[in-house]
C-alpha atoms as a PDB file:
ATOM      1  CA  UNK A   1      59.035 168.910  34.151  1.00  0.00           C
ATOM      2  CA  UNK A   2      56.241 170.138  31.838  1.00  0.00           C
ATOM      3  CA  UNK A   3      53.852 173.059  31.523  1.00  0.00           C
ATOM      4  CA  UNK A   4      50.293 172.233  32.548  1.00  0.00           C
ATOM      5  CA  UNK A   5      47.544 172.430  29.950  1.00  0.00           C
ATOM      6  CA  UNK A   6      46.588 176.088  29.563  1.00  0.00           C
ATOM      7  CA  UNK A   7      50.025 177.313  30.592  1.00  0.00           C
ATOM      8  CA  UNK A   8      49.155 178.253  34.180  1.00  0.00           C
ATOM      9  CA  UNK A   9      50.902 175.476  36.045  1.00  0.00           C
ATOM     10  CA  UNK A  10      53.970 173.280  36.090  1.00  0.00           C
ATOM     11  CA  UNK A  11      53.986 169.531  36.553  1.00  0.00           C
ATOM     12  CA  UNK A  12      56.949 167.550  37.874  1.00  0.00           C
ATOM     13  CA  UNK A  13      57.571 164.247  39.593  1.00  0.00           C
ATOM     14  CA  UNK A  14      58.758 163.664  43.151  1.00  0.00           C
ATOM     15  CA  UNK A  15      62.434 163.478  42.074  1.00  0.00           C
ATOM     16  CA  UNK A  16      62.534 167.280  41.645  1.00  0.00           C
ATOM     17  CA  UNK A  17      62.520 169.579  44.656  1.00  0.00           C
ATOM     18  CA  UNK A  18      61.803 173.249  43.814  1.00  0.00           C
ATOM     19  CA  UNK A  19      60.175 175.950  45.860  1.00  0.00           C
ATOM     20  CA  UNK A  20      57.524 178.094  44.175  1.00  0.00           C
ATOM     21  CA  UNK A  21      59.707 181.180  44.800  1.00  0.00           C
ATOM     22  CA  UNK A  22      62.693 179.596  43.056  1.00  0.00           C
ATOM     23  CA  UNK A  23      60.537 178.519  40.140  1.00  0.00           C
ATOM     24  CA  UNK A  24      58.963 181.987  39.825  1.00  0.00           C
ATOM     25  CA  UNK A  25      62.333 183.738  39.996  1.00  0.00           C
ATOM     26  CA  UNK A  26      63.889 181.559  37.291  1.00  0.00           C
ATOM     27  CA  UNK A  27      60.804 181.522  35.061  1.00  0.00           C
ATOM     28  CA  UNK A  28      60.287 183.301  31.766  1.00  0.00           C
ATOM     29  CA  UNK A  29      57.129 184.604  30.118  1.00  0.00           C
ATOM     30  CA  UNK A  30      56.015 182.709  27.051  1.00  0.00           C
ATOM     31  CA  UNK A  31      53.971 184.375  24.311  1.00  0.00           C
ATOM     32  CA  UNK A  32      50.647 182.771  23.406  1.00  0.00           C
ATOM     33  CA  UNK A  33      48.108 183.411  20.639  1.00  0.00           C
ATOM     34  CA  UNK A  34      45.791 184.848  23.311  1.00  0.00           C
ATOM     35  CA  UNK A  35      48.101 187.674  24.396  1.00  0.00           C
ATOM     36  CA  UNK A  36      46.475 191.040  23.834  1.00  0.00           C
ATOM     37  CA  UNK A  37      42.911 189.729  23.626  1.00  0.00           C
ATOM     38  CA  UNK A  38      40.163 191.235  25.746  1.00  0.00           C
ATOM     39  CA  UNK A  39      36.397 191.266  25.961  1.00  0.00           C
ATOM     40  CA  UNK A  40      34.379 194.152  24.554  1.00  0.00           C
ATOM     41  CA  UNK A  41      33.361 195.059  28.096  1.00  0.00           C
ATOM     42  CA  UNK A  42      37.019 195.318  29.194  1.00  0.00           C
ATOM     43  CA  UNK A  43      37.950 197.287  26.065  1.00  0.00           C
ATOM     44  CA  UNK A  44      35.020 199.661  26.467  1.00  0.00           C
ATOM     45  CA  UNK A  45      35.997 200.320  30.085  1.00  0.00           C
ATOM     46  CA  UNK A  46      39.680 200.888  29.265  1.00  0.00           C
ATOM     47  CA  UNK A  47      38.967 203.222  26.345  1.00  0.00           C
ATOM     48  CA  UNK A  48      35.861 204.902  27.788  1.00  0.00           C
ATOM     49  CA  UNK A  49      33.612 203.723  24.937  1.00  0.00           C
ATOM     50  CA  UNK A  50      30.297 201.927  24.891  1.00  0.00           C
ATOM     51  CA  UNK A  51      30.088 198.365  23.621  1.00  0.00           C
ATOM     52  CA  UNK A  52      27.630 199.573  20.966  1.00  0.00           C
ATOM     53  CA  UNK A  53      30.397 201.874  19.634  1.00  0.00           C
ATOM     54  CA  UNK A  54      32.612 198.826  19.179  1.00  0.00           C
ATOM     55  CA  UNK A  55      29.832 196.866  17.474  1.00  0.00           C
ATOM     56  CA  UNK A  56      29.266 199.810  15.109  1.00  0.00           C
ATOM     57  CA  UNK A  57      33.011 199.932  14.370  1.00  0.00           C
ATOM     58  CA  UNK A  58      32.730 196.330  13.189  1.00  0.00           C
ATOM     59  CA  UNK A  59      29.629 197.094  11.110  1.00  0.00           C
ATOM     60  CA  UNK A  60      31.420 200.039   9.432  1.00  0.00           C
ATOM     61  CA  UNK A  61      34.628 198.060   8.804  1.00  0.00           C
ATOM     62  CA  UNK A  62      36.919 199.985  11.176  1.00  0.00           C
ATOM     63  CA  UNK A  63      37.414 196.792  13.163  1.00  0.00           C
ATOM     64  CA  UNK A  64      37.637 193.718  10.946  1.00  0.00           C
ATOM     65  CA  UNK A  65      35.743 190.639  12.186  1.00  0.00           C
ATOM     66  CA  UNK A  66      37.893 187.520  12.131  1.00  0.00           C
ATOM     67  CA  UNK A  67      41.071 189.632  12.111  1.00  0.00           C
ATOM     68  CA  UNK A  68      40.706 192.266  14.842  1.00  0.00           C
ATOM     69  CA  UNK A  69      37.740 190.801  16.710  1.00  0.00           C
ATOM     70  CA  UNK A  70      35.707 187.628  16.884  1.00  0.00           C
ATOM     71  CA  UNK A  71      32.414 186.641  18.439  1.00  0.00           C
ATOM     72  CA  UNK A  72      32.240 183.527  20.627  1.00  0.00           C
ATOM     73  CA  UNK A  73      28.600 182.815  21.421  1.00  0.00           C
ATOM     74  CA  UNK A  74      27.279 186.130  22.708  1.00  0.00           C
ATOM     75  CA  UNK A  75      30.704 187.476  23.717  1.00  0.00           C
ATOM     76  CA  UNK A  76      32.926 189.588  21.466  1.00  0.00           C
ATOM     77  CA  UNK A  77      36.710 189.432  21.924  1.00  0.00           C
ATOM     78  CA  UNK A  78      38.975 192.106  20.447  1.00  0.00           C
ATOM     79  CA  UNK A  79      42.701 192.507  19.932  1.00  0.00           C
ATOM     80  CA  UNK A  80      44.344 195.265  21.969  1.00  0.00           C
ATOM     81  CA  UNK A  81      46.408 196.360  18.944  1.00  0.00           C
ATOM     82  CA  UNK A  82      43.220 196.984  16.948  1.00  0.00           C
ATOM     83  CA  UNK A  83      41.834 199.100  19.793  1.00  0.00           C
ATOM     84  CA  UNK A  84      45.039 201.157  19.934  1.00  0.00           C
ATOM     85  CA  UNK A  85      45.079 201.526  16.149  1.00  0.00           C
ATOM     86  CA  UNK A  86      41.513 202.856  16.045  1.00  0.00           C
ATOM     87  CA  UNK A  87      41.201 204.685  19.382  1.00  0.00           C
ATOM     88  CA  UNK A  88      44.744 205.480  20.562  1.00  0.00           C
ATOM     89  CA  UNK A  89      45.960 204.782  24.076  1.00  0.00           C
ATOM     90  CA  UNK A  90      43.483 203.602  26.701  1.00  0.00           C
ATOM     91  CA  UNK A  91      42.245 206.268  29.095  1.00  0.00           C
ATOM     92  CA  UNK A  92      42.642 203.953  32.074  1.00  0.00           C
ATOM     93  CA  UNK A  93      45.174 201.227  32.719  1.00  0.00           C
END
């Protein structure tokens, strides 16, 4: 048995017979480097801020590019811990 590429599936051969319910019940969460990452649009919605506020926070050094946030093409991704550090708890869950 092995974890599928990306971590969202499980691969096994025909010698193993498991139901999805049994597999889910016995499973465990595994931490990944992507845990806690979100897009600027998601962060702005959760914290009630505009995306331009987040871009300004990067320009002023409150959010450190390459550490707290990173741009991939036209999309910014930010760490949830950095958002909590700078803006407290989100206003919506």
